[in-house]
N, C-alpha and C. Protein backbone atom coordinates (compact mmCIF):
# COMPACT_ATOMS: atom_id res chain seq x y z
N UNK A 1 -55.18 59.97 -43.49
CA UNK A 1 -53.78 60.41 -43.52
C UNK A 1 -52.90 59.19 -43.86
N UNK A 2 -51.95 59.42 -44.74
CA UNK A 2 -51.01 58.36 -45.09
C UNK A 2 -50.13 58.02 -43.89
N UNK A 3 -49.70 56.78 -43.85
CA UNK A 3 -48.88 56.33 -42.75
C UNK A 3 -47.58 57.12 -42.66
N UNK A 4 -46.97 57.45 -43.80
CA UNK A 4 -45.71 58.19 -43.76
C UNK A 4 -45.90 59.60 -43.17
N UNK A 5 -47.05 60.20 -43.41
CA UNK A 5 -47.33 61.52 -42.82
C UNK A 5 -47.52 61.40 -41.31
N UNK A 6 -48.18 60.36 -40.89
CA UNK A 6 -48.39 60.13 -39.46
C UNK A 6 -47.05 59.92 -38.75
N UNK A 7 -46.18 59.14 -39.37
CA UNK A 7 -44.83 58.90 -38.81
C UNK A 7 -44.09 60.23 -38.68
N UNK A 8 -44.12 61.01 -39.73
CA UNK A 8 -43.42 62.29 -39.74
C UNK A 8 -43.93 63.21 -38.63
N UNK A 9 -45.24 63.32 -38.49
CA UNK A 9 -45.81 64.19 -37.47
C UNK A 9 -45.43 63.75 -36.06
N UNK A 10 -45.50 62.46 -35.80
CA UNK A 10 -45.15 61.96 -34.47
C UNK A 10 -43.68 62.24 -34.13
N UNK A 11 -42.80 62.01 -35.07
CA UNK A 11 -41.37 62.21 -34.81
C UNK A 11 -41.02 63.69 -34.69
N UNK A 12 -41.65 64.52 -35.52
CA UNK A 12 -41.42 65.97 -35.42
C UNK A 12 -41.84 66.49 -34.05
N UNK A 13 -42.97 66.02 -33.59
CA UNK A 13 -43.50 66.47 -32.29
C UNK A 13 -42.58 66.03 -31.14
N UNK A 14 -42.15 64.81 -31.16
CA UNK A 14 -41.34 64.27 -30.07
C UNK A 14 -39.94 64.88 -30.03
N UNK A 15 -39.30 64.99 -31.19
CA UNK A 15 -37.90 65.42 -31.24
C UNK A 15 -37.72 66.89 -31.59
N UNK A 16 -38.78 67.60 -31.89
CA UNK A 16 -38.68 69.00 -32.31
C UNK A 16 -37.68 69.18 -33.45
N UNK A 17 -37.85 68.39 -34.48
CA UNK A 17 -36.98 68.48 -35.66
C UNK A 17 -37.79 69.03 -36.82
N UNK A 18 -37.13 69.72 -37.70
CA UNK A 18 -37.83 70.29 -38.84
C UNK A 18 -37.51 69.55 -40.14
N UNK A 19 -36.33 68.97 -40.22
CA UNK A 19 -35.93 68.32 -41.45
C UNK A 19 -36.02 66.80 -41.32
N UNK A 20 -37.13 66.27 -41.79
CA UNK A 20 -37.37 64.83 -41.74
C UNK A 20 -38.06 64.40 -43.03
N UNK A 21 -37.65 63.26 -43.51
CA UNK A 21 -38.26 62.71 -44.72
C UNK A 21 -38.61 61.25 -44.43
N UNK A 22 -39.83 60.88 -44.76
CA UNK A 22 -40.28 59.50 -44.59
C UNK A 22 -40.68 58.97 -45.96
N UNK A 23 -40.02 57.89 -46.36
CA UNK A 23 -40.23 57.32 -47.69
C UNK A 23 -40.82 55.93 -47.56
N UNK A 24 -41.91 55.69 -48.27
CA UNK A 24 -42.53 54.38 -48.30
C UNK A 24 -41.86 53.57 -49.42
N UNK A 25 -41.06 52.58 -49.05
CA UNK A 25 -40.35 51.75 -50.01
C UNK A 25 -41.01 50.39 -50.21
N UNK A 26 -42.24 50.27 -49.83
CA UNK A 26 -42.94 48.98 -49.89
C UNK A 26 -42.99 48.40 -51.29
N UNK A 27 -43.10 49.26 -52.28
CA UNK A 27 -43.22 48.76 -53.67
C UNK A 27 -41.98 47.98 -54.10
N UNK A 28 -40.84 48.26 -53.50
CA UNK A 28 -39.60 47.56 -53.86
C UNK A 28 -39.50 46.19 -53.20
N UNK A 29 -40.41 45.89 -52.28
CA UNK A 29 -40.35 44.64 -51.52
C UNK A 29 -41.61 43.79 -51.68
N UNK A 30 -42.48 44.17 -52.59
CA UNK A 30 -43.77 43.49 -52.72
C UNK A 30 -43.63 42.03 -53.14
N UNK A 31 -42.52 41.66 -53.78
CA UNK A 31 -42.33 40.28 -54.22
C UNK A 31 -41.65 39.41 -53.17
N UNK A 32 -41.24 39.99 -52.07
CA UNK A 32 -40.60 39.22 -51.01
C UNK A 32 -41.64 38.33 -50.32
N UNK A 33 -41.27 37.11 -50.09
CA UNK A 33 -42.19 36.14 -49.50
C UNK A 33 -42.70 36.57 -48.13
N UNK A 34 -41.80 37.10 -47.29
CA UNK A 34 -42.17 37.47 -45.92
C UNK A 34 -42.88 38.82 -45.82
N UNK A 35 -42.84 39.59 -46.87
CA UNK A 35 -43.40 40.94 -46.82
C UNK A 35 -44.92 40.91 -46.87
N UNK A 36 -45.57 41.60 -45.93
CA UNK A 36 -47.04 41.69 -46.01
C UNK A 36 -47.44 42.49 -47.24
N UNK A 37 -48.53 42.17 -47.81
CA UNK A 37 -48.98 42.84 -49.04
C UNK A 37 -49.92 44.01 -48.70
N UNK A 38 -49.45 44.90 -47.83
CA UNK A 38 -50.32 45.99 -47.38
C UNK A 38 -49.89 47.37 -47.88
N UNK A 39 -48.85 47.42 -48.70
CA UNK A 39 -48.32 48.70 -49.23
C UNK A 39 -47.84 49.65 -48.15
N UNK A 40 -47.70 49.17 -46.93
CA UNK A 40 -47.17 49.95 -45.81
C UNK A 40 -46.20 49.09 -45.01
N UNK A 41 -45.34 48.38 -45.71
CA UNK A 41 -44.49 47.40 -45.03
C UNK A 41 -43.05 47.85 -44.81
N UNK A 42 -42.53 48.69 -45.69
CA UNK A 42 -41.11 49.07 -45.63
C UNK A 42 -40.98 50.59 -45.71
N UNK A 43 -40.31 51.17 -44.71
CA UNK A 43 -40.15 52.62 -44.68
C UNK A 43 -38.70 53.01 -44.41
N UNK A 44 -38.33 54.14 -44.97
CA UNK A 44 -37.04 54.77 -44.72
C UNK A 44 -37.31 56.11 -44.07
N UNK A 45 -36.68 56.35 -42.93
CA UNK A 45 -36.80 57.63 -42.24
C UNK A 45 -35.44 58.31 -42.28
N UNK A 46 -35.40 59.51 -42.84
CA UNK A 46 -34.18 60.31 -42.90
C UNK A 46 -34.38 61.54 -42.03
N UNK A 47 -33.55 61.66 -41.00
CA UNK A 47 -33.65 62.79 -40.08
C UNK A 47 -32.35 63.56 -40.12
N UNK A 48 -32.48 64.86 -40.28
CA UNK A 48 -31.31 65.73 -40.20
C UNK A 48 -31.43 66.51 -38.90
N UNK A 49 -30.53 66.18 -37.96
CA UNK A 49 -30.58 66.81 -36.65
C UNK A 49 -29.21 66.70 -36.00
N UNK A 50 -28.63 67.82 -35.72
CA UNK A 50 -27.31 67.83 -35.07
C UNK A 50 -27.38 67.15 -33.70
N UNK A 51 -28.40 67.47 -32.91
CA UNK A 51 -28.49 66.90 -31.56
C UNK A 51 -28.72 65.38 -31.60
N UNK A 52 -29.59 64.90 -32.46
CA UNK A 52 -29.83 63.45 -32.54
C UNK A 52 -28.63 62.70 -33.10
N UNK A 53 -27.91 63.32 -34.00
CA UNK A 53 -26.75 62.65 -34.59
C UNK A 53 -25.63 62.46 -33.56
N UNK A 54 -25.65 63.26 -32.49
CA UNK A 54 -24.63 63.15 -31.45
C UNK A 54 -25.01 62.16 -30.35
N UNK A 55 -26.29 61.77 -30.33
CA UNK A 55 -26.75 60.83 -29.31
C UNK A 55 -26.37 59.40 -29.69
N UNK A 56 -26.46 58.53 -28.71
CA UNK A 56 -26.21 57.12 -28.94
C UNK A 56 -27.23 56.58 -29.96
N UNK A 57 -26.72 56.00 -31.03
CA UNK A 57 -27.57 55.54 -32.14
C UNK A 57 -28.62 54.53 -31.68
N UNK A 58 -28.22 53.60 -30.85
CA UNK A 58 -29.15 52.59 -30.36
C UNK A 58 -30.27 53.21 -29.54
N UNK A 59 -29.93 54.18 -28.70
CA UNK A 59 -30.96 54.86 -27.90
C UNK A 59 -31.95 55.62 -28.77
N UNK A 60 -31.44 56.29 -29.79
CA UNK A 60 -32.33 57.04 -30.70
C UNK A 60 -33.27 56.06 -31.41
N UNK A 61 -32.73 54.95 -31.90
CA UNK A 61 -33.56 53.96 -32.58
C UNK A 61 -34.62 53.39 -31.65
N UNK A 62 -34.25 53.14 -30.42
CA UNK A 62 -35.22 52.64 -29.44
C UNK A 62 -36.33 53.66 -29.19
N UNK A 63 -35.95 54.92 -29.10
CA UNK A 63 -36.95 55.98 -28.90
C UNK A 63 -37.91 56.03 -30.09
N UNK A 64 -37.37 55.95 -31.29
CA UNK A 64 -38.20 56.00 -32.50
C UNK A 64 -39.16 54.81 -32.52
N UNK A 65 -38.65 53.63 -32.24
CA UNK A 65 -39.51 52.45 -32.21
C UNK A 65 -40.59 52.59 -31.15
N UNK A 66 -40.27 53.17 -30.02
CA UNK A 66 -41.25 53.37 -28.96
C UNK A 66 -42.34 54.35 -29.40
N UNK A 67 -41.93 55.43 -30.01
CA UNK A 67 -42.87 56.44 -30.50
C UNK A 67 -43.81 55.84 -31.55
N UNK A 68 -43.26 54.95 -32.37
CA UNK A 68 -44.03 54.36 -33.47
C UNK A 68 -44.55 52.97 -33.14
N UNK A 69 -44.76 52.68 -31.87
CA UNK A 69 -45.16 51.32 -31.47
C UNK A 69 -46.44 50.86 -32.15
N UNK A 70 -47.41 51.74 -32.33
CA UNK A 70 -48.65 51.35 -33.01
C UNK A 70 -48.42 51.11 -34.50
N UNK A 71 -47.62 51.96 -35.11
CA UNK A 71 -47.31 51.81 -36.53
C UNK A 71 -46.49 50.55 -36.80
N UNK A 72 -45.65 50.19 -35.84
CA UNK A 72 -44.79 49.02 -36.01
C UNK A 72 -45.58 47.71 -36.03
N UNK A 73 -46.83 47.76 -35.66
CA UNK A 73 -47.67 46.56 -35.73
C UNK A 73 -47.94 46.15 -37.17
N UNK A 74 -47.83 47.11 -38.11
CA UNK A 74 -48.06 46.79 -39.52
C UNK A 74 -46.80 46.97 -40.38
N UNK A 75 -45.80 47.67 -39.86
CA UNK A 75 -44.56 47.87 -40.62
C UNK A 75 -43.68 46.64 -40.46
N UNK A 76 -43.20 46.16 -41.58
CA UNK A 76 -42.33 44.97 -41.59
C UNK A 76 -40.86 45.34 -41.41
N UNK A 77 -40.44 46.46 -42.01
CA UNK A 77 -39.04 46.88 -41.94
C UNK A 77 -38.95 48.41 -41.89
N UNK A 78 -38.05 48.89 -41.02
CA UNK A 78 -37.86 50.32 -40.84
C UNK A 78 -36.37 50.63 -40.89
N UNK A 79 -35.99 51.47 -41.84
CA UNK A 79 -34.60 51.92 -41.96
C UNK A 79 -34.54 53.36 -41.45
N UNK A 80 -33.58 53.64 -40.58
CA UNK A 80 -33.45 54.96 -39.98
C UNK A 80 -32.06 55.52 -40.29
N UNK A 81 -32.03 56.72 -40.87
CA UNK A 81 -30.78 57.41 -41.15
C UNK A 81 -30.81 58.75 -40.44
N UNK A 82 -29.77 59.03 -39.67
CA UNK A 82 -29.69 60.31 -38.96
C UNK A 82 -28.38 60.98 -39.31
N UNK A 83 -28.46 62.23 -39.73
CA UNK A 83 -27.25 63.00 -40.09
C UNK A 83 -27.34 64.37 -39.46
N UNK A 84 -26.21 65.08 -39.50
CA UNK A 84 -26.18 66.46 -38.95
C UNK A 84 -26.84 67.43 -39.87
């Protein structure tokens, strides 16, 4: 299973959301000196959820990082966007 699919499944299960998109942007950062060359280094998570968009942004980000603690061992950068 691709890492982006695993991320999506974990977040869907935890937050009971249906509209989520996980994009692997690693190819755009492959020339960066600090970026690991593993093709799983940079991800964008787009979540559409009225309830999450009303919560404290920092708390939601902390929850996401906690849920993805194993994945974060190989991810270099994670961008999170939450909208209604």
